Amino acid sequence: MAKFKCSACNYIFDGDKAADKSPCCGAAKEKFVKLADDKAKLVDRARCSNQLHVGLMTVLDQVHSIAEAGTKDNLDPACVVIFTRARDEAKLITQFIKAEIEVCIGKGKWG
């Protein structure tokens, strides 16, 4: 399936032909440019990778919440160390993911 990118808002439309107007900004069909096959494949790969990043961020948010509850429970020092580390690592990895997504967007690999 071909991909068409709106030059006004960067919306990427999947189809055999360009959309009549951008669902995002309302720009006319003439604003769409067909992506070359290599760029279209890159968008597909990026969509997969970015979806995995978003899924991982969701899990890390759960880890962060559980770890917060564990540190507040304060059963013993060893438990607090484990929960504190889990909380901190979840936050750190989440920031890594956000930075990677920003790089992908800057390279036009978000679709």
C-alpha atoms as a PDB file:
ATOM      1  CA  MET A   1       0.000   0.000   0.000  1.00  0.00           C
ATOM      2  CA  ALA A   2       1.330   3.420  -0.905  1.00  0.00           C
ATOM      3  CA  LYS A   3       1.925   6.226   1.574  1.00  0.00           C
ATOM      4  CA  PHE A   4       1.182   9.890   0.946  1.00  0.00           C
ATOM      5  CA  LYS A   5       2.497  12.671   3.179  1.00  0.00           C
ATOM      6  CA  CYS A   6       0.674  15.965   3.631  1.00  0.00           C
ATOM      7  CA  SER A   7       3.149  18.780   3.069  1.00  0.00           C
ATOM      8  CA  ALA A   8       1.092  21.077   5.312  1.00  0.00           C
ATOM      9  CA  CYS A   9       0.923  18.969   8.496  1.00  0.00           C
ATOM     10  CA  ASN A  10       3.074  15.850   7.803  1.00  0.00           C
ATOM     11  CA  TYR A  11       0.124  13.485   8.212  1.00  0.00           C
ATOM     12  CA  ILE A  12       0.862  10.182   6.458  1.00  0.00           C
ATOM     13  CA  PHE A  13      -2.052   8.590   4.642  1.00  0.00           C
ATOM     14  CA  ASP A  14      -1.999   4.923   3.625  1.00  0.00           C
ATOM     15  CA  GLY A  15      -3.887   4.080   0.444  1.00  0.00           C
ATOM     16  CA  ASP A  16      -3.821   3.473  -3.274  1.00  0.00           C
ATOM     17  CA  LYS A  17      -4.208   7.211  -3.878  1.00  0.00           C
ATOM     18  CA  ALA A  18      -3.929  10.335  -1.768  1.00  0.00           C
ATOM     19  CA  ALA A  19      -6.807  11.317   0.483  1.00  0.00           C
ATOM     20  CA  ASP A  20      -9.166  13.989  -0.834  1.00  0.00           C
ATOM     21  CA  LYS A  21      -8.116  16.108   2.141  1.00  0.00           C
ATOM     22  CA  SER A  22      -5.924  15.715   5.184  1.00  0.00           C
ATOM     23  CA  PRO A  23      -7.877  14.257   8.102  1.00  0.00           C
ATOM     24  CA  CYS A  24      -5.501  16.165  10.349  1.00  0.00           C
ATOM     25  CA  CYS A  25      -5.413  19.712   8.940  1.00  0.00           C
ATOM     26  CA  GLY A  26      -7.969  19.662   6.125  1.00  0.00           C
ATOM     27  CA  ALA A  27      -5.419  20.492   3.407  1.00  0.00           C
ATOM     28  CA  ALA A  28      -6.451  19.647  -0.153  1.00  0.00           C
ATOM     29  CA  LYS A  29      -5.400  16.489  -1.990  1.00  0.00           C
ATOM     30  CA  GLU A  30      -2.782  18.481  -3.909  1.00  0.00           C
ATOM     31  CA  LYS A  31      -0.788  18.927  -0.690  1.00  0.00           C
ATOM     32  CA  PHE A  32      -0.084  15.183  -0.526  1.00  0.00           C
ATOM     33  CA  VAL A  33       3.195  13.822  -1.871  1.00  0.00           C
ATOM     34  CA  LYS A  34       3.659  10.116  -2.528  1.00  0.00           C
ATOM     35  CA  LEU A  35       6.543   8.711  -0.487  1.00  0.00           C
ATOM     36  CA  ALA A  36       9.227   6.750  -2.306  1.00  0.00           C
ATOM     37  CA  ASP A  37       9.155   3.019  -1.603  1.00  0.00           C
ATOM     38  CA  ASP A  38      12.248   3.159   0.621  1.00  0.00           C
ATOM     39  CA  LYS A  39      10.721   5.992   2.688  1.00  0.00           C
ATOM     40  CA  ALA A  40       7.410   4.125   2.953  1.00  0.00           C
ATOM     41  CA  LYS A  41       9.225   1.021   4.229  1.00  0.00           C
ATOM     42  CA  LEU A  42      11.054   3.155   6.770  1.00  0.00           C
ATOM     43  CA  VAL A  43       7.725   4.544   7.991  1.00  0.00           C
ATOM     44  CA  ASP A  44       6.368   0.992   8.412  1.00  0.00           C
ATOM     45  CA  ARG A  45       9.447  -0.074  10.370  1.00  0.00           C
ATOM     46  CA  ALA A  46       9.326   3.079  12.486  1.00  0.00           C
ATOM     47  CA  ARG A  47       5.643   2.542  13.263  1.00  0.00           C
ATOM     48  CA  CYS A  48       6.458  -0.927  14.578  1.00  0.00           C
ATOM     49  CA  SER A  49       9.419   0.232  16.652  1.00  0.00           C
ATOM     50  CA  ASN A  50       7.594   3.264  18.028  1.00  0.00           C
ATOM     51  CA  GLN A  51       4.600   1.123  18.992  1.00  0.00           C
ATOM     52  CA  LEU A  52       6.975  -1.127  20.938  1.00  0.00           C
ATOM     53  CA  HIS A  53       8.433   1.943  22.652  1.00  0.00           C
ATOM     54  CA  VAL A  54       4.973   3.126  23.657  1.00  0.00           C
ATOM     55  CA  GLY A  55       4.107  -0.340  24.992  1.00  0.00           C
ATOM     56  CA  LEU A  56       7.312  -0.421  27.007  1.00  0.00           C
ATOM     57  CA  MET A  57       6.581   3.034  28.427  1.00  0.00           C
ATOM     58  CA  THR A  58       3.170   1.778  29.570  1.00  0.00           C
ATOM     59  CA  VAL A  59       4.771  -1.150  31.412  1.00  0.00           C
ATOM     60  CA  LEU A  60       7.444   1.125  32.904  1.00  0.00           C
ATOM     61  CA  ASP A  61       4.709   3.399  34.231  1.00  0.00           C
ATOM     62  CA  GLN A  62       3.245   0.388  36.021  1.00  0.00           C
ATOM     63  CA  VAL A  63       6.691  -0.535  37.382  1.00  0.00           C
ATOM     64  CA  HIS A  64       7.100   3.033  38.633  1.00  0.00           C
ATOM     65  CA  SER A  65       3.722   2.931  40.435  1.00  0.00           C
ATOM     66  CA  ILE A  66       4.394  -0.455  42.028  1.00  0.00           C
ATOM     67  CA  ALA A  67       7.871   0.620  43.104  1.00  0.00           C
ATOM     68  CA  GLU A  68       6.479   3.819  44.653  1.00  0.00           C
ATOM     69  CA  ALA A  69       4.033   1.728  46.682  1.00  0.00           C
ATOM     70  CA  GLY A  70       6.880  -0.575  47.695  1.00  0.00           C
ATOM     71  CA  THR A  71       9.063   2.257  48.955  1.00  0.00           C
ATOM     72  CA  LYS A  72       6.148   3.695  50.941  1.00  0.00           C
ATOM     73  CA  ASP A  73       5.485   0.261  52.461  1.00  0.00           C
ATOM     74  CA  ASN A  74       9.047   0.408  53.845  1.00  0.00           C
ATOM     75  CA  LEU A  75       9.062  -3.222  55.042  1.00  0.00           C
ATOM     76  CA  ASP A  76      12.822  -3.426  55.431  1.00  0.00           C
ATOM     77  CA  PRO A  77      15.909  -1.708  54.011  1.00  0.00           C
ATOM     78  CA  ALA A  78      16.605  -4.396  51.377  1.00  0.00           C
ATOM     79  CA  CYS A  79      13.047  -4.106  50.017  1.00  0.00           C
ATOM     80  CA  VAL A  80      13.297  -0.320  49.911  1.00  0.00           C
ATOM     81  CA  VAL A  81      16.553  -0.590  47.926  1.00  0.00           C
ATOM     82  CA  ILE A  82      14.897  -2.894  45.367  1.00  0.00           C
ATOM     83  CA  PHE A  83      11.812  -0.724  44.987  1.00  0.00           C
ATOM     84  CA  THR A  84      13.842   2.492  44.859  1.00  0.00           C
ATOM     85  CA  ARG A  85      16.067   1.102  42.133  1.00  0.00           C
ATOM     86  CA  ALA A  86      13.100  -0.177  40.135  1.00  0.00           C
ATOM     87  CA  ARG A  87      11.424   3.244  40.381  1.00  0.00           C
ATOM     88  CA  ASP A  88      14.578   5.096  39.345  1.00  0.00           C
ATOM     89  CA  GLU A  89      15.412   2.723  36.467  1.00  0.00           C
ATOM     90  CA  ALA A  90      11.839   2.889  35.150  1.00  0.00           C
ATOM     91  CA  LYS A  91      12.061   6.674  35.104  1.00  0.00           C
ATOM     92  CA  LEU A  92      15.486   6.615  33.422  1.00  0.00           C
ATOM     93  CA  ILE A  93      14.471   4.155  30.699  1.00  0.00           C
ATOM     94  CA  THR A  94      11.285   6.135  30.058  1.00  0.00           C
ATOM     95  CA  GLN A  95      13.423   9.232  29.448  1.00  0.00           C
ATOM     96  CA  PHE A  96      15.670   7.237  27.076  1.00  0.00           C
ATOM     97  CA  ILE A  97      12.585   6.182  25.113  1.00  0.00           C
ATOM     98  CA  LYS A  98      11.286   9.755  24.913  1.00  0.00           C
ATOM     99  CA  ALA A  99      14.655  10.916  23.605  1.00  0.00           C
ATOM    100  CA  GLU A 100      14.723   8.136  20.993  1.00  0.00           C
ATOM    101  CA  ILE A 101      11.213   8.980  19.818  1.00  0.00           C
ATOM    102  CA  GLU A 102      12.222  12.627  19.486  1.00  0.00           C
ATOM    103  CA  VAL A 103      15.214  11.607  17.342  1.00  0.00           C
ATOM    104  CA  CYS A 104      12.958   9.422  15.170  1.00  0.00           C
ATOM    105  CA  ILE A 105      10.534  12.297  14.664  1.00  0.00           C
ATOM    106  CA  GLY A 106      13.418  14.600  13.725  1.00  0.00           C
ATOM    107  CA  LYS A 107      14.590  12.089  11.110  1.00  0.00           C
ATOM    108  CA  GLY A 108      11.093  11.735   9.676  1.00  0.00           C
ATOM    109  CA  LYS A 109      10.843   8.138  10.888  1.00  0.00           C
ATOM    110  CA  TRP A 110       7.534   8.634  12.686  1.00  0.00           C
ATOM    111  CA  GLY A 111       4.487   7.825  10.670  1.00  0.00           C
END
